[in-house]
Amino acid sequence: MFLACVVAVQIYYGWGRVLAPWLEVAPGALLATLILTFISYALRSLRVYDYFHAQLRGGFTLCFKLTLQHNLLNNLLPMRTGEISFPVLMARYFDVPATASVPVLFWFRLMDLHALVAIALFAVGDAWLAQSYLLPVTLLWMLLPLAAYFAHNGLASQFAGASHGSKKFVAKVLASLPQTPREFWRAWLWTWINWLVKLGVFAWVFQLFAPVPWSVAGLAAIAGDISSVLPIHGVAGAGTYEAGIVAALLPFKIAPDIALSAAVNLHLFLLGSTMLGGLVAVFLPGREKGELPSM
């Protein structure tokens, strides 16, 4: 899939033409987008740090290192295998067992998907002049988190007090999820802040390479990210990322060659910032065996 993407870009557009617009990007704009991208990484770290505050107290720098490493592996490895690094790193750096970190990671991903779809619905509503059917769909979608919270409470009460077997395991998993409205809504707040910053930056980058309205650029950024959370995800997302963006822009009559070129360059920005984050993580302090996390 990776090689097919590289060859397809060369055949249908040419790598020289694809990369040429980078020469026209103002250095200040590039620096600003990189800074904002790293702010989104910090916000993602804050979500983890806030959620596991009891275990991570005083270790935000180490949590930031974990986030950068997890992001690097997640974006480069195929088929979502990079997600495995999160429970591994949580256990290595903070002694948080997989039974606590894996359910929370799954919960985070559900929050991410919900936020992405919600923002996409708002963007589509703006781009398509608020089609009448979008309003009730959007309202129902926005109520899903509340329904999920009550469903979790109902399941937790059923398995409460289990002392052995699979029921005890399920109770332990449910105990790692939000137990109070404060924990629940704080996690959603960090999720939304992070995605608004990240998608705003990526929409800006997309507009640097394609003359499209802000709402359309936002949809392109959302489509790229949604393609990366699907199980079908190639090495470094090559092919699937671009296909998601081009497909999302078809209803807006964006020329496929322009959409493909901008999608490839947005993807290159994503990979470049990801690898820069991985490089920064190398220089952040780690945790020696037996040592407590520290700032």
Protein backbone atom coordinates (compact mmCIF):
# COMPACT_ATOMS: atom_id res chain seq x y z
CA MET A 1 0.00 0.00 0.00
CA PHE A 2 2.87 2.34 0.84
CA LEU A 3 4.67 1.67 -2.44
CA ALA A 4 1.40 1.90 -4.40
CA CYS A 5 0.79 5.36 -2.93
CA VAL A 6 4.29 6.58 -3.84
CA VAL A 7 4.00 5.24 -7.41
CA ALA A 8 0.44 6.56 -7.89
CA VAL A 9 1.44 10.09 -6.89
CA GLN A 10 4.36 9.99 -9.32
CA ILE A 11 2.22 8.68 -12.21
CA TYR A 12 -0.84 10.89 -11.79
CA TYR A 13 0.75 14.08 -10.50
CA GLY A 14 4.52 13.88 -10.15
CA TRP A 15 6.42 14.33 -6.90
CA GLY A 16 8.13 17.44 -8.21
CA ARG A 17 4.78 19.19 -8.69
CA VAL A 18 3.48 17.93 -5.36
CA LEU A 19 6.43 19.25 -3.36
CA ALA A 20 6.89 22.51 -5.29
CA PRO A 21 4.27 24.49 -3.24
CA TRP A 22 6.43 24.06 -0.13
CA LEU A 23 8.82 26.63 -1.62
CA GLU A 24 6.03 29.22 -1.41
CA VAL A 25 5.05 28.52 2.21
CA ALA A 26 6.14 31.37 4.47
CA PRO A 27 8.62 30.20 7.15
CA GLY A 28 6.57 32.03 9.79
CA ALA A 29 3.43 30.13 8.84
CA LEU A 30 5.28 26.81 8.96
CA LEU A 31 6.76 27.62 12.37
CA ALA A 32 3.36 28.68 13.70
CA THR A 33 1.70 25.46 12.52
CA LEU A 34 4.46 23.37 14.11
CA ILE A 35 4.13 25.22 17.42
CA LEU A 36 0.34 24.77 17.42
CA THR A 37 0.75 21.09 16.57
CA PHE A 38 3.01 20.62 19.58
CA ILE A 39 0.45 22.47 21.69
CA SER A 40 -2.06 19.84 20.59
CA TYR A 41 0.41 17.14 21.71
CA ALA A 42 0.65 18.88 25.08
CA LEU A 43 -3.16 18.99 25.33
CA ARG A 44 -3.29 15.27 24.55
CA SER A 45 -0.77 14.72 27.34
CA LEU A 46 -2.88 16.81 29.70
CA ARG A 47 -5.85 14.54 29.05
CA VAL A 48 -3.83 11.49 30.08
CA TYR A 49 -2.18 13.33 32.99
CA ASP A 50 -5.50 14.65 34.29
CA TYR A 51 -7.25 11.30 33.99
CA PHE A 52 -4.47 9.31 35.72
CA HIS A 53 -3.55 12.15 38.06
CA ALA A 54 -3.19 9.93 41.14
CA GLN A 55 -0.62 7.71 39.39
CA LEU A 56 1.09 10.41 37.29
CA ARG A 57 1.24 13.22 39.85
CA GLY A 58 4.38 15.31 39.30
CA GLY A 59 5.29 13.46 36.09
CA PHE A 60 3.87 15.64 33.30
CA THR A 61 7.18 15.80 31.43
CA LEU A 62 7.36 12.01 31.41
CA CYS A 63 3.71 11.90 30.33
CA PHE A 64 4.54 14.26 27.46
CA LYS A 65 7.40 11.96 26.46
CA LEU A 66 4.98 9.01 26.53
CA THR A 67 2.50 10.89 24.33
CA LEU A 68 5.13 11.78 21.74
CA GLN A 69 6.38 8.19 21.59
CA HIS A 70 2.86 6.78 21.39
CA ASN A 71 2.00 9.27 18.64
CA LEU A 72 5.13 8.35 16.67
CA LEU A 73 4.47 4.62 16.76
CA ASN A 74 0.76 5.07 16.16
CA ASN A 75 1.29 7.13 13.02
CA LEU A 76 4.09 5.03 11.55
CA LEU A 77 3.06 1.44 12.30
CA PRO A 78 0.31 -0.20 10.20
CA MET A 79 -3.09 -1.58 11.22
CA ARG A 80 -3.25 0.40 14.49
CA THR A 81 -0.49 -1.76 16.03
CA GLY A 82 1.10 1.39 17.43
CA GLU A 83 -1.70 1.56 20.01
CA ILE A 84 0.01 -1.27 21.87
CA SER A 85 2.71 1.17 22.92
CA PHE A 86 0.32 3.08 25.21
CA PRO A 87 -0.25 0.33 27.82
CA VAL A 88 3.40 -0.75 27.49
CA LEU A 89 4.69 2.77 28.18
CA MET A 90 2.14 3.40 30.95
CA ALA A 91 3.39 0.27 32.70
CA ARG A 92 7.07 1.14 32.10
CA TYR A 93 6.92 4.77 33.17
CA PHE A 94 4.14 4.83 35.78
CA ASP A 95 3.48 1.22 36.82
CA VAL A 96 -0.10 1.47 35.55
CA PRO A 97 -1.25 -2.06 34.61
CA ALA A 98 -2.76 -2.86 31.24
CA THR A 99 -6.09 -3.68 32.89
CA ALA A 100 -6.32 0.01 33.80
CA SER A 101 -4.72 1.65 30.76
CA VAL A 102 -6.24 -0.40 27.91
CA PRO A 103 -9.91 0.32 28.79
CA VAL A 104 -9.08 4.01 29.18
CA LEU A 105 -7.27 4.04 25.82
CA PHE A 106 -10.36 2.49 24.24
CA TRP A 107 -12.49 5.11 25.98
CA PHE A 108 -10.21 7.88 24.71
CA ARG A 109 -10.53 6.57 21.17
CA LEU A 110 -14.32 6.55 21.43
CA MET A 111 -14.20 10.17 22.64
CA ASP A 112 -11.87 11.05 19.76
CA LEU A 113 -14.19 9.45 17.21
CA HIS A 114 -17.22 11.18 18.70
CA ALA A 115 -15.52 14.59 18.63
CA LEU A 116 -14.31 14.07 15.05
CA VAL A 117 -17.76 13.09 13.76
CA ALA A 118 -19.42 15.93 15.70
CA ILE A 119 -17.04 18.54 14.27
CA ALA A 120 -17.55 16.99 10.80
CA LEU A 121 -21.32 17.37 11.16
CA PHE A 122 -20.91 21.04 12.03
CA ALA A 123 -18.52 21.53 9.12
CA VAL A 124 -20.82 19.73 6.67
CA GLY A 125 -23.74 21.80 7.92
CA ASP A 126 -21.80 24.97 7.15
CA ALA A 127 -20.56 23.73 3.78
CA TRP A 128 -23.99 22.46 2.67
CA LEU A 129 -25.91 25.45 4.09
CA ALA A 130 -27.28 23.56 7.10
CA GLN A 131 -29.38 20.86 5.47
CA SER A 132 -32.55 20.34 7.55
CA TYR A 133 -31.84 16.69 8.41
CA LEU A 134 -28.39 17.51 9.83
CA LEU A 135 -29.74 19.33 12.89
CA PRO A 136 -31.54 16.37 14.52
CA VAL A 137 -28.69 14.03 13.57
CA THR A 138 -26.18 16.39 15.18
CA LEU A 139 -28.27 16.78 18.34
CA LEU A 140 -28.64 13.01 18.72
CA TRP A 141 -24.92 12.50 18.17
CA MET A 142 -24.08 15.13 20.79
CA LEU A 143 -26.24 13.29 23.34
CA LEU A 144 -24.32 10.02 22.93
CA PRO A 145 -21.73 10.82 25.65
CA LEU A 146 -24.49 11.27 28.23
CA ALA A 147 -26.07 7.97 27.19
CA ALA A 148 -22.66 6.27 27.42
CA TYR A 149 -22.12 7.60 30.95
CA PHE A 150 -25.45 6.25 32.21
CA ALA A 151 -24.86 2.92 30.44
CA HIS A 152 -21.48 2.65 32.18
CA ASN A 153 -23.09 3.33 35.57
CA GLY A 154 -25.68 0.63 34.93
CA LEU A 155 -23.03 -1.94 34.00
CA ALA A 156 -20.84 -0.98 36.96
CA SER A 157 -23.70 -1.53 39.40
CA GLN A 158 -24.38 -5.00 37.94
CA PHE A 159 -20.78 -6.13 38.40
CA ALA A 160 -20.11 -4.32 41.68
CA GLY A 161 -18.90 -6.63 44.44
CA ALA A 162 -17.78 -9.42 42.09
CA SER A 163 -15.01 -11.36 43.81
CA HIS A 164 -13.89 -13.96 41.27
CA GLY A 165 -13.87 -15.06 37.65
CA SER A 166 -14.76 -13.00 34.62
CA LYS A 167 -17.15 -10.80 36.57
CA LYS A 168 -14.31 -9.62 38.77
CA PHE A 169 -12.25 -8.82 35.67
CA VAL A 170 -15.13 -6.85 34.11
CA ALA A 171 -15.65 -4.98 37.38
CA LYS A 172 -11.95 -4.07 37.43
CA VAL A 173 -12.11 -2.82 33.84
CA LEU A 174 -15.22 -0.73 34.54
CA ALA A 175 -13.55 0.72 37.64
CA SER A 176 -10.83 2.22 35.42
CA LEU A 177 -13.42 4.25 33.49
CA PRO A 178 -14.88 7.57 34.74
CA GLN A 179 -16.66 7.12 38.06
CA THR A 180 -17.96 10.65 38.60
CA PRO A 181 -19.50 13.32 36.33
CA ARG A 182 -16.46 15.50 37.02
CA GLU A 183 -14.02 12.88 35.70
CA PHE A 184 -16.28 12.15 32.75
CA TRP A 185 -16.76 15.72 31.56
CA ARG A 186 -13.17 16.80 32.22
CA ALA A 187 -11.99 14.05 29.84
CA TRP A 188 -14.46 15.26 27.20
CA LEU A 189 -13.34 18.85 27.68
CA TRP A 190 -9.66 17.98 27.05
CA THR A 191 -10.72 15.89 24.05
CA TRP A 192 -12.60 18.75 22.43
CA ILE A 193 -9.94 21.37 23.13
CA ASN A 194 -7.26 19.10 21.65
CA TRP A 195 -9.22 18.31 18.49
CA LEU A 196 -10.29 21.90 17.87
CA VAL A 197 -6.65 23.01 18.03
CA LYS A 198 -5.32 20.10 15.95
CA LEU A 199 -8.00 20.25 13.25
CA GLY A 200 -7.72 24.03 13.07
CA VAL A 201 -3.98 23.71 12.42
CA PHE A 202 -4.40 20.94 9.86
CA ALA A 203 -7.15 22.85 8.05
CA TRP A 204 -4.78 25.82 7.89
CA VAL A 205 -2.00 23.62 6.46
CA PHE A 206 -4.42 22.17 3.89
CA GLN A 207 -5.38 25.68 2.79
CA LEU A 208 -1.72 26.46 2.18
CA PHE A 209 -1.84 23.92 -0.67
CA ALA A 210 -5.45 24.12 -1.89
CA PRO A 211 -7.69 27.20 -2.42
CA VAL A 212 -10.74 25.88 -0.57
CA PRO A 213 -13.10 27.39 2.05
CA TRP A 214 -12.30 26.89 5.73
CA SER A 215 -15.17 24.41 6.24
CA VAL A 216 -13.95 22.25 3.33
CA ALA A 217 -10.36 22.35 4.62
CA GLY A 218 -11.69 21.30 8.03
CA LEU A 219 -13.49 18.34 6.47
CA ALA A 220 -10.28 17.34 4.72
CA ALA A 221 -8.41 17.36 8.04
CA ILE A 222 -11.19 15.37 9.70
CA ALA A 223 -11.31 12.81 6.88
CA GLY A 224 -7.57 12.26 7.13
CA ASP A 225 -7.75 11.66 10.87
CA ILE A 226 -10.79 9.38 10.62
CA SER A 227 -8.93 7.28 8.05
CA SER A 228 -6.11 6.89 10.59
CA VAL A 229 -8.39 5.49 13.31
CA LEU A 230 -9.75 2.75 11.04
CA PRO A 231 -8.26 -0.77 11.26
CA ILE A 232 -7.25 -0.59 7.58
CA HIS A 233 -4.25 1.66 8.01
CA GLY A 234 -1.07 1.28 5.97
CA VAL A 235 2.54 1.93 6.94
CA ALA A 236 2.65 5.61 7.99
CA GLY A 237 -0.95 5.82 6.75
CA ALA A 238 0.30 6.06 3.16
CA GLY A 239 -2.56 5.73 0.72
CA THR A 240 -5.39 5.46 3.22
CA TYR A 241 -4.85 9.01 4.54
CA GLU A 242 -4.89 10.53 1.07
CA ALA A 243 -7.80 8.37 -0.09
CA GLY A 244 -9.89 9.49 2.88
CA ILE A 245 -9.32 13.17 2.10
CA VAL A 246 -9.90 12.89 -1.65
CA ALA A 247 -13.11 10.88 -1.10
CA ALA A 248 -14.43 13.41 1.43
CA LEU A 249 -13.88 16.29 -1.01
CA LEU A 250 -15.58 14.66 -4.02
CA PRO A 251 -19.06 16.13 -3.20
CA PHE A 252 -17.53 19.63 -3.20
CA LYS A 253 -16.27 19.31 -6.77
CA ILE A 254 -12.65 19.87 -5.79
CA ALA A 255 -10.41 18.80 -8.67
CA PRO A 256 -8.93 15.38 -7.76
CA ASP A 257 -5.38 16.44 -8.66
CA ILE A 258 -5.59 19.49 -6.36
CA ALA A 259 -7.15 17.43 -3.58
CA LEU A 260 -4.51 14.71 -3.94
CA SER A 261 -1.62 17.16 -3.96
CA ALA A 262 -2.89 19.00 -0.86
CA ALA A 263 -3.65 15.69 0.88
CA VAL A 264 -0.12 14.39 0.27
CA ASN A 265 1.42 17.62 1.57
CA LEU A 266 -0.82 17.64 4.65
CA HIS A 267 0.23 14.04 5.26
CA LEU A 268 3.88 15.00 4.89
CA PHE A 269 3.36 17.76 7.46
CA LEU A 270 1.73 15.24 9.80
CA LEU A 271 4.61 12.78 9.42
CA GLY A 272 7.22 15.51 9.74
CA SER A 273 5.73 16.86 12.98
CA THR A 274 5.30 13.30 14.24
CA MET A 275 8.97 12.45 13.68
CA LEU A 276 10.07 15.79 15.13
CA GLY A 277 8.03 14.91 18.21
CA GLY A 278 9.75 11.54 18.38
CA LEU A 279 13.11 13.30 18.22
CA VAL A 280 12.10 15.67 21.04
CA ALA A 281 11.02 12.65 23.11
CA VAL A 282 14.56 11.24 22.89
CA PHE A 283 15.88 14.25 24.79
CA LEU A 284 13.15 14.32 27.45
CA PRO A 285 14.07 12.63 30.74
CA GLY A 286 12.85 9.07 31.15
CA ARG A 287 12.43 6.94 34.22
CA GLU A 288 15.08 4.64 35.57
CA LYS A 289 13.98 1.35 37.06
CA GLY A 290 12.79 1.82 40.61
CA GLU A 291 12.71 5.60 40.27
CA LEU A 292 9.56 7.59 40.95
CA PRO A 293 8.25 9.87 38.18
CA SER A 294 9.31 13.50 38.52
CA MET A 295 8.94 16.78 36.68
